[in-house]
């Protein structure tokens, strides 16, 4: 199924005309998905003069990934959210005096996306792993997502933020704050307990992830003796193809419903 979606994705991108360069890259590199994974420096992408930060949010179903993302981009909370009607989001922000465009891929956990998991983990620049304080299993699965990122990227040094959502449901809490802090310490990443319903620490989580990306980019630049990174059009176009595949699958589901 993945191969068919990639073909449809390329056609969809051309029809939507997100940008001529992205469409050209997609046509030229349509078959690069099977490229052997290696540890690499992610290329910087810009649009309209804004640095684009490619962010992937991971976690079990029902932990509130979409609610967290929607609260960040639209300052709204839905009591019920259909995971089949959204795919990706963009939000501009000024973080530490520097403008940024956050391009957020919300992984809905649908069966269709499991074959793409390695691809979007390979393309993402930073990750938010989300669990619910009311669901111990989702907390345990957070470690599995962390291992999966490390396996795909062949590196432990990946920009990451761990969030414990549904802080407002204290009466249903199954995971303590201390447990979350200890897990974040194991991951070597920042930790926030969030509430999508009350908008508690939502911006903080995303802003901190951008800071983590910048910090690690700066450290790599110092190590390389240069602050510039060569943009790899192949990996840049792969990110846009993945986003388009998500949009295509969601659109098909909407039509079926």
C-alpha atoms as a PDB file:
ATOM      1  CA  UNK A   1       0.000   0.000   0.000  1.00  0.00           C
ATOM      2  CA  UNK A   2       2.859   2.352   0.788  1.00  0.00           C
ATOM      3  CA  UNK A   3       4.102   2.341  -2.800  1.00  0.00           C
ATOM      4  CA  UNK A   4       0.678   3.252  -4.170  1.00  0.00           C
ATOM      5  CA  UNK A   5       0.301   6.079  -1.686  1.00  0.00           C
ATOM      6  CA  UNK A   6       3.674   7.518  -2.624  1.00  0.00           C
ATOM      7  CA  UNK A   7       2.585   7.739  -6.241  1.00  0.00           C
ATOM      8  CA  UNK A   8      -0.707   9.346  -5.311  1.00  0.00           C
ATOM      9  CA  UNK A   9       1.135  11.641  -2.960  1.00  0.00           C
ATOM     10  CA  UNK A  10       3.380  13.013  -5.705  1.00  0.00           C
ATOM     11  CA  UNK A  11       0.347  13.772  -7.871  1.00  0.00           C
ATOM     12  CA  UNK A  12      -1.434  15.393  -4.949  1.00  0.00           C
ATOM     13  CA  UNK A  13       1.538  17.632  -4.221  1.00  0.00           C
ATOM     14  CA  UNK A  14       1.665  18.842  -7.806  1.00  0.00           C
ATOM     15  CA  UNK A  15      -2.057  19.615  -7.845  1.00  0.00           C
ATOM     16  CA  UNK A  16      -1.905  21.493  -4.553  1.00  0.00           C
ATOM     17  CA  UNK A  17       1.252  23.383  -5.700  1.00  0.00           C
ATOM     18  CA  UNK A  18       2.657  23.915  -2.233  1.00  0.00           C
ATOM     19  CA  UNK A  19       5.810  25.152  -3.927  1.00  0.00           C
ATOM     20  CA  UNK A  20       7.449  24.582  -7.292  1.00  0.00           C
ATOM     21  CA  UNK A  21      10.704  23.463  -5.722  1.00  0.00           C
ATOM     22  CA  UNK A  22       8.993  20.892  -3.507  1.00  0.00           C
ATOM     23  CA  UNK A  23       7.096  19.498  -6.477  1.00  0.00           C
ATOM     24  CA  UNK A  24      10.266  19.253  -8.545  1.00  0.00           C
ATOM     25  CA  UNK A  25      12.115  17.530  -5.710  1.00  0.00           C
ATOM     26  CA  UNK A  26       9.258  15.055  -5.315  1.00  0.00           C
ATOM     27  CA  UNK A  27       9.306  14.144  -8.999  1.00  0.00           C
ATOM     28  CA  UNK A  28      13.069  13.734  -9.096  1.00  0.00           C
ATOM     29  CA  UNK A  29      13.348  11.650  -5.929  1.00  0.00           C
ATOM     30  CA  UNK A  30      10.128   9.648  -5.915  1.00  0.00           C
ATOM     31  CA  UNK A  31      11.913   6.369  -5.240  1.00  0.00           C
ATOM     32  CA  UNK A  32      14.346   7.407  -2.495  1.00  0.00           C
ATOM     33  CA  UNK A  33      12.275   6.015   0.383  1.00  0.00           C
ATOM     34  CA  UNK A  34      14.323   2.821   0.554  1.00  0.00           C
ATOM     35  CA  UNK A  35      17.597   4.638   1.082  1.00  0.00           C
ATOM     36  CA  UNK A  36      19.755   3.080   3.788  1.00  0.00           C
ATOM     37  CA  UNK A  37      19.437   4.908   7.107  1.00  0.00           C
ATOM     38  CA  UNK A  38      22.563   6.620   8.383  1.00  0.00           C
ATOM     39  CA  UNK A  39      23.180   9.054  11.177  1.00  0.00           C
ATOM     40  CA  UNK A  40      23.077  12.483   9.577  1.00  0.00           C
ATOM     41  CA  UNK A  41      22.755  16.185  10.228  1.00  0.00           C
ATOM     42  CA  UNK A  42      19.234  17.299   9.405  1.00  0.00           C
ATOM     43  CA  UNK A  43      19.110  19.995   6.740  1.00  0.00           C
ATOM     44  CA  UNK A  44      17.605  23.334   7.643  1.00  0.00           C
ATOM     45  CA  UNK A  45      14.478  24.248   5.702  1.00  0.00           C
ATOM     46  CA  UNK A  46      13.183  27.781   5.242  1.00  0.00           C
ATOM     47  CA  UNK A  47       9.949  29.146   3.837  1.00  0.00           C
ATOM     48  CA  UNK A  48       9.258  32.808   3.262  1.00  0.00           C
ATOM     49  CA  UNK A  49      12.412  33.621   5.202  1.00  0.00           C
ATOM     50  CA  UNK A  50      11.254  31.617   8.244  1.00  0.00           C
ATOM     51  CA  UNK A  51      13.213  28.669   9.586  1.00  0.00           C
ATOM     52  CA  UNK A  52      10.942  25.592   9.440  1.00  0.00           C
ATOM     53  CA  UNK A  53      11.178  23.169  12.362  1.00  0.00           C
ATOM     54  CA  UNK A  54       9.946  19.683  11.458  1.00  0.00           C
ATOM     55  CA  UNK A  55       8.337  18.261  14.587  1.00  0.00           C
ATOM     56  CA  UNK A  56       6.801  14.818  15.126  1.00  0.00           C
ATOM     57  CA  UNK A  57       4.488  14.096  18.074  1.00  0.00           C
ATOM     58  CA  UNK A  58       4.355  10.461  19.190  1.00  0.00           C
ATOM     59  CA  UNK A  59       2.359   8.508  21.747  1.00  0.00           C
ATOM     60  CA  UNK A  60      -0.340   5.930  22.270  1.00  0.00           C
ATOM     61  CA  UNK A  61      -3.869   6.542  21.022  1.00  0.00           C
ATOM     62  CA  UNK A  62      -6.078   8.476  23.410  1.00  0.00           C
ATOM     63  CA  UNK A  63      -3.313  10.322  25.272  1.00  0.00           C
ATOM     64  CA  UNK A  64      -4.296  13.672  23.733  1.00  0.00           C
ATOM     65  CA  UNK A  65      -1.652  14.203  21.038  1.00  0.00           C
ATOM     66  CA  UNK A  66      -4.104  15.925  18.705  1.00  0.00           C
ATOM     67  CA  UNK A  67      -5.658  17.915  21.559  1.00  0.00           C
ATOM     68  CA  UNK A  68      -2.222  19.195  22.580  1.00  0.00           C
ATOM     69  CA  UNK A  69      -1.376  20.140  18.997  1.00  0.00           C
ATOM     70  CA  UNK A  70      -4.744  21.797  18.344  1.00  0.00           C
ATOM     71  CA  UNK A  71      -4.441  23.772  21.562  1.00  0.00           C
ATOM     72  CA  UNK A  72      -1.019  24.992  20.486  1.00  0.00           C
ATOM     73  CA  UNK A  73      -2.007  26.087  16.969  1.00  0.00           C
ATOM     74  CA  UNK A  74      -5.607  27.247  17.525  1.00  0.00           C
ATOM     75  CA  UNK A  75      -5.911  27.932  21.276  1.00  0.00           C
ATOM     76  CA  UNK A  76      -8.958  25.687  21.407  1.00  0.00           C
ATOM     77  CA  UNK A  77      -9.904  22.394  23.027  1.00  0.00           C
ATOM     78  CA  UNK A  78     -12.356  19.841  21.717  1.00  0.00           C
ATOM     79  CA  UNK A  79     -13.939  17.378  24.148  1.00  0.00           C
ATOM     80  CA  UNK A  80     -14.134  14.885  21.292  1.00  0.00           C
ATOM     81  CA  UNK A  81     -11.635  14.751  18.464  1.00  0.00           C
ATOM     82  CA  UNK A  82     -11.932  12.450  15.448  1.00  0.00           C
ATOM     83  CA  UNK A  83      -8.334  11.351  14.699  1.00  0.00           C
ATOM     84  CA  UNK A  84      -9.220  10.728  11.066  1.00  0.00           C
ATOM     85  CA  UNK A  85      -9.913  14.369  10.169  1.00  0.00           C
ATOM     86  CA  UNK A  86      -6.506  15.957  10.761  1.00  0.00           C
ATOM     87  CA  UNK A  87      -3.031  15.280   9.483  1.00  0.00           C
ATOM     88  CA  UNK A  88      -0.519  18.063  10.052  1.00  0.00           C
ATOM     89  CA  UNK A  89      -0.357  21.585  11.379  1.00  0.00           C
ATOM     90  CA  UNK A  90       1.757  24.698  11.027  1.00  0.00           C
ATOM     91  CA  UNK A  91       2.197  27.513  13.509  1.00  0.00           C
ATOM     92  CA  UNK A  92       4.388  30.603  13.463  1.00  0.00           C
ATOM     93  CA  UNK A  93       5.982  31.731  16.697  1.00  0.00           C
ATOM     94  CA  UNK A  94       8.700  34.039  17.962  1.00  0.00           C
ATOM     95  CA  UNK A  95      10.934  32.078  20.315  1.00  0.00           C
ATOM     96  CA  UNK A  96      13.710  33.919  22.155  1.00  0.00           C
ATOM     97  CA  UNK A  97      13.368  36.801  19.708  1.00  0.00           C
ATOM     98  CA  UNK A  98      13.750  34.619  16.609  1.00  0.00           C
ATOM     99  CA  UNK A  99      10.834  33.853  14.275  1.00  0.00           C
ATOM    100  CA  UNK A 100      10.076  30.208  13.553  1.00  0.00           C
ATOM    101  CA  UNK A 101       7.568  28.122  11.629  1.00  0.00           C
ATOM    102  CA  UNK A 102       6.689  24.892  13.425  1.00  0.00           C
ATOM    103  CA  UNK A 103       5.603  22.164  11.010  1.00  0.00           C
ATOM    104  CA  UNK A 104       3.962  19.540  13.227  1.00  0.00           C
ATOM    105  CA  UNK A 105       3.165  15.998  12.152  1.00  0.00           C
ATOM    106  CA  UNK A 106       0.546  14.477  14.457  1.00  0.00           C
ATOM    107  CA  UNK A 107       0.842  10.696  14.187  1.00  0.00           C
ATOM    108  CA  UNK A 108      -2.664   9.325  14.653  1.00  0.00           C
ATOM    109  CA  UNK A 109      -1.563   5.718  15.110  1.00  0.00           C
ATOM    110  CA  UNK A 110      -3.617   4.467  12.177  1.00  0.00           C
ATOM    111  CA  UNK A 111      -2.599   1.114  10.666  1.00  0.00           C
ATOM    112  CA  UNK A 112      -1.876   2.807   7.343  1.00  0.00           C
ATOM    113  CA  UNK A 113       0.929   4.830   8.911  1.00  0.00           C
ATOM    114  CA  UNK A 114       2.962   2.044  10.507  1.00  0.00           C
ATOM    115  CA  UNK A 115       4.832   1.384   7.243  1.00  0.00           C
ATOM    116  CA  UNK A 116       5.767   5.082   7.153  1.00  0.00           C
ATOM    117  CA  UNK A 117       6.976   5.257  10.734  1.00  0.00           C
ATOM    118  CA  UNK A 118      10.662   4.910   9.958  1.00  0.00           C
ATOM    119  CA  UNK A 119      10.396   7.570   7.249  1.00  0.00           C
ATOM    120  CA  UNK A 120       8.821  10.292   9.365  1.00  0.00           C
ATOM    121  CA  UNK A 121      11.136   9.503  12.262  1.00  0.00           C
ATOM    122  CA  UNK A 122      14.072   9.818   9.893  1.00  0.00           C
ATOM    123  CA  UNK A 123      12.826  13.176   8.582  1.00  0.00           C
ATOM    124  CA  UNK A 124      11.737  14.824  11.841  1.00  0.00           C
ATOM    125  CA  UNK A 125      14.128  17.267  13.487  1.00  0.00           C
ATOM    126  CA  UNK A 126      12.584  17.067  16.938  1.00  0.00           C
ATOM    127  CA  UNK A 127      10.119  14.816  18.760  1.00  0.00           C
ATOM    128  CA  UNK A 128       7.492  15.152  21.461  1.00  0.00           C
ATOM    129  CA  UNK A 129       6.652  11.885  23.195  1.00  0.00           C
ATOM    130  CA  UNK A 130       3.284  12.153  24.909  1.00  0.00           C
ATOM    131  CA  UNK A 131       1.668   9.911  27.508  1.00  0.00           C
ATOM    132  CA  UNK A 132      -1.366  10.379  29.738  1.00  0.00           C
ATOM    133  CA  UNK A 133      -1.106  10.624  33.519  1.00  0.00           C
ATOM    134  CA  UNK A 134      -4.335   8.571  33.623  1.00  0.00           C
ATOM    135  CA  UNK A 135      -2.924   5.670  31.575  1.00  0.00           C
ATOM    136  CA  UNK A 136       0.023   3.677  32.898  1.00  0.00           C
ATOM    137  CA  UNK A 137       0.333   1.662  29.710  1.00  0.00           C
ATOM    138  CA  UNK A 138       0.881   4.837  27.677  1.00  0.00           C
ATOM    139  CA  UNK A 139       3.620   5.778  30.153  1.00  0.00           C
ATOM    140  CA  UNK A 140       5.327   2.424  29.648  1.00  0.00           C
ATOM    141  CA  UNK A 141       5.041   2.755  25.881  1.00  0.00           C
ATOM    142  CA  UNK A 142       6.886   6.097  25.978  1.00  0.00           C
ATOM    143  CA  UNK A 143      10.133   4.156  26.456  1.00  0.00           C
ATOM    144  CA  UNK A 144       9.351   2.072  23.378  1.00  0.00           C
ATOM    145  CA  UNK A 145       8.897   5.219  21.275  1.00  0.00           C
ATOM    146  CA  UNK A 146      12.224   6.507  22.549  1.00  0.00           C
ATOM    147  CA  UNK A 147      13.937   3.240  21.589  1.00  0.00           C
ATOM    148  CA  UNK A 148      12.315   3.360  18.170  1.00  0.00           C
ATOM    149  CA  UNK A 149      13.622   6.880  17.515  1.00  0.00           C
ATOM    150  CA  UNK A 150      17.119   5.824  18.559  1.00  0.00           C
ATOM    151  CA  UNK A 151      16.961   2.745  16.327  1.00  0.00           C
ATOM    152  CA  UNK A 152      15.825   4.662  13.243  1.00  0.00           C
ATOM    153  CA  UNK A 153      18.220   7.578  13.740  1.00  0.00           C
ATOM    154  CA  UNK A 154      21.166   5.489  14.978  1.00  0.00           C
ATOM    155  CA  UNK A 155      21.735   8.127  17.642  1.00  0.00           C
ATOM    156  CA  UNK A 156      20.713   8.908  21.209  1.00  0.00           C
ATOM    157  CA  UNK A 157      21.335  12.632  20.743  1.00  0.00           C
ATOM    158  CA  UNK A 158      18.009  13.618  19.189  1.00  0.00           C
ATOM    159  CA  UNK A 159      16.045  16.754  20.239  1.00  0.00           C
ATOM    160  CA  UNK A 160      13.214  15.453  22.405  1.00  0.00           C
ATOM    161  CA  UNK A 161      10.628  16.607  24.958  1.00  0.00           C
ATOM    162  CA  UNK A 162       8.575  14.262  27.142  1.00  0.00           C
ATOM    163  CA  UNK A 163       5.086  15.432  28.137  1.00  0.00           C
ATOM    164  CA  UNK A 164       2.543  13.926  30.533  1.00  0.00           C
ATOM    165  CA  UNK A 165      -0.871  15.096  29.380  1.00  0.00           C
ATOM    166  CA  UNK A 166      -4.280  15.283  31.114  1.00  0.00           C
ATOM    167  CA  UNK A 167      -2.875  16.971  34.211  1.00  0.00           C
ATOM    168  CA  UNK A 168      -6.389  18.288  34.897  1.00  0.00           C
ATOM    169  CA  UNK A 169      -7.682  14.746  35.609  1.00  0.00           C
ATOM    170  CA  UNK A 170      -6.012  14.434  39.005  1.00  0.00           C
ATOM    171  CA  UNK A 171      -8.650  12.103  40.415  1.00  0.00           C
ATOM    172  CA  UNK A 172      -7.811   9.584  37.674  1.00  0.00           C
ATOM    173  CA  UNK A 173      -4.026   9.879  37.914  1.00  0.00           C
ATOM    174  CA  UNK A 174      -2.132   6.594  37.533  1.00  0.00           C
ATOM    175  CA  UNK A 175       1.388   7.966  36.899  1.00  0.00           C
ATOM    176  CA  UNK A 176       3.112  10.220  39.426  1.00  0.00           C
ATOM    177  CA  UNK A 177       5.043  13.375  38.608  1.00  0.00           C
ATOM    178  CA  UNK A 178       8.188  11.802  40.036  1.00  0.00           C
ATOM    179  CA  UNK A 179       7.912   8.840  37.661  1.00  0.00           C
ATOM    180  CA  UNK A 180       7.661  11.211  34.717  1.00  0.00           C
ATOM    181  CA  UNK A 181      10.687  13.195  35.870  1.00  0.00           C
ATOM    182  CA  UNK A 182      12.710  10.017  36.314  1.00  0.00           C
ATOM    183  CA  UNK A 183      11.829   8.822  32.819  1.00  0.00           C
ATOM    184  CA  UNK A 184      12.778  12.190  31.318  1.00  0.00           C
ATOM    185  CA  UNK A 185      16.068  11.981  33.191  1.00  0.00           C
ATOM    186  CA  UNK A 186      16.694   8.583  31.583  1.00  0.00           C
ATOM    187  CA  UNK A 187      15.902  10.089  28.175  1.00  0.00           C
ATOM    188  CA  UNK A 188      18.083  13.120  28.932  1.00  0.00           C
ATOM    189  CA  UNK A 189      15.322  15.518  27.882  1.00  0.00           C
ATOM    190  CA  UNK A 190      13.022  18.236  29.300  1.00  0.00           C
ATOM    191  CA  UNK A 191       9.735  17.183  30.909  1.00  0.00           C
ATOM    192  CA  UNK A 192       6.360  18.890  31.263  1.00  0.00           C
ATOM    193  CA  UNK A 193       3.047  17.861  32.733  1.00  0.00           C
ATOM    194  CA  UNK A 194       0.466  19.418  30.426  1.00  0.00           C
ATOM    195  CA  UNK A 195      -3.262  19.925  30.179  1.00  0.00           C
ATOM    196  CA  UNK A 196      -4.694  20.413  26.708  1.00  0.00           C
ATOM    197  CA  UNK A 197      -8.050  21.206  28.307  1.00  0.00           C
ATOM    198  CA  UNK A 198      -6.646  24.029  30.453  1.00  0.00           C
ATOM    199  CA  UNK A 199      -3.768  24.978  28.127  1.00  0.00           C
ATOM    200  CA  UNK A 200      -1.209  24.367  30.838  1.00  0.00           C
ATOM    201  CA  UNK A 201       2.418  24.237  29.618  1.00  0.00           C
ATOM    202  CA  UNK A 202       1.406  23.607  26.002  1.00  0.00           C
ATOM    203  CA  UNK A 203       3.453  26.448  24.509  1.00  0.00           C
ATOM    204  CA  UNK A 204       6.317  25.638  26.865  1.00  0.00           C
ATOM    205  CA  UNK A 205       6.628  22.111  25.496  1.00  0.00           C
ATOM    206  CA  UNK A 206       6.793  23.179  21.842  1.00  0.00           C
ATOM    207  CA  UNK A 207       9.026  26.191  22.484  1.00  0.00           C
ATOM    208  CA  UNK A 208      11.421  24.083  24.529  1.00  0.00           C
ATOM    209  CA  UNK A 209      11.670  21.547  21.712  1.00  0.00           C
ATOM    210  CA  UNK A 210      12.613  24.306  19.261  1.00  0.00           C
ATOM    211  CA  UNK A 211      15.265  25.475  21.742  1.00  0.00           C
ATOM    212  CA  UNK A 212      16.581  21.898  21.957  1.00  0.00           C
ATOM    213  CA  UNK A 213      16.822  21.724  18.160  1.00  0.00           C
ATOM    214  CA  UNK A 214      18.663  25.059  18.034  1.00  0.00           C
ATOM    215  CA  UNK A 215      21.002  24.095  20.852  1.00  0.00           C
ATOM    216  CA  UNK A 216      22.013  20.818  19.231  1.00  0.00           C
ATOM    217  CA  UNK A 217      22.394  22.474  15.830  1.00  0.00           C
ATOM    218  CA  UNK A 218      24.673  25.066  17.394  1.00  0.00           C
ATOM    219  CA  UNK A 219      26.728  22.380  19.089  1.00  0.00           C
ATOM    220  CA  UNK A 220      27.084  20.437  15.836  1.00  0.00           C
ATOM    221  CA  UNK A 221      28.042  23.621  14.002  1.00  0.00           C
ATOM    222  CA  UNK A 222      30.783  24.319  16.526  1.00  0.00           C
ATOM    223  CA  UNK A 223      32.017  20.759  16.167  1.00  0.00           C
ATOM    224  CA  UNK A 224      32.118  21.088  12.395  1.00  0.00           C
ATOM    225  CA  UNK A 225      33.843  24.459  12.551  1.00  0.00           C
ATOM    226  CA  UNK A 226      31.023  26.033  10.545  1.00  0.00           C
ATOM    227  CA  UNK A 227      27.564  27.381  11.258  1.00  0.00           C
ATOM    228  CA  UNK A 228      26.189  26.511   7.835  1.00  0.00           C
ATOM    229  CA  UNK A 229      24.504  23.253   6.841  1.00  0.00           C
ATOM    230  CA  UNK A 230      24.114  22.017   3.315  1.00  0.00           C
ATOM    231  CA  UNK A 231      20.480  21.488   2.448  1.00  0.00           C
ATOM    232  CA  UNK A 232      19.744  18.000   1.163  1.00  0.00           C
ATOM    233  CA  UNK A 233      16.791  18.342  -1.261  1.00  0.00           C
ATOM    234  CA  UNK A 234      16.122  14.604  -1.094  1.00  0.00           C
ATOM    235  CA  UNK A 235      15.401  14.544   2.629  1.00  0.00           C
ATOM    236  CA  UNK A 236      13.542  17.851   2.470  1.00  0.00           C
ATOM    237  CA  UNK A 237      11.224  16.538  -0.261  1.00  0.00           C
ATOM    238  CA  UNK A 238      10.713  13.293   1.644  1.00  0.00           C
ATOM    239  CA  UNK A 239       9.215  15.249   4.589  1.00  0.00           C
ATOM    240  CA  UNK A 240       6.697  16.942   2.282  1.00  0.00           C
ATOM    241  CA  UNK A 241       5.800  13.612   0.681  1.00  0.00           C
ATOM    242  CA  UNK A 242       5.120  12.088   4.082  1.00  0.00           C
ATOM    243  CA  UNK A 243       2.877  15.015   5.024  1.00  0.00           C
ATOM    244  CA  UNK A 244       1.011  14.617   1.747  1.00  0.00           C
ATOM    245  CA  UNK A 245       0.537  10.884   2.300  1.00  0.00           C
ATOM    246  CA  UNK A 246      -1.034  11.646   5.671  1.00  0.00           C
ATOM    247  CA  UNK A 247      -3.367  14.147   4.002  1.00  0.00           C
ATOM    248  CA  UNK A 248      -4.276  11.640   1.283  1.00  0.00           C
ATOM    249  CA  UNK A 249      -5.109   8.849   3.741  1.00  0.00           C
ATOM    250  CA  UNK A 250      -7.203  11.156   5.906  1.00  0.00           C
ATOM    251  CA  UNK A 251      -9.015  12.456   2.841  1.00  0.00           C
ATOM    252  CA  UNK A 252      -9.848   8.928   1.731  1.00  0.00           C
ATOM    253  CA  UNK A 253     -11.214   8.130   5.174  1.00  0.00           C
ATOM    254  CA  UNK A 254     -13.384  11.244   5.117  1.00  0.00           C
ATOM    255  CA  UNK A 255     -14.769  10.230   1.729  1.00  0.00           C
ATOM    256  CA  UNK A 256     -15.526   6.713   2.985  1.00  0.00           C
ATOM    257  CA  UNK A 257     -17.364   8.136   5.972  1.00  0.00           C
END
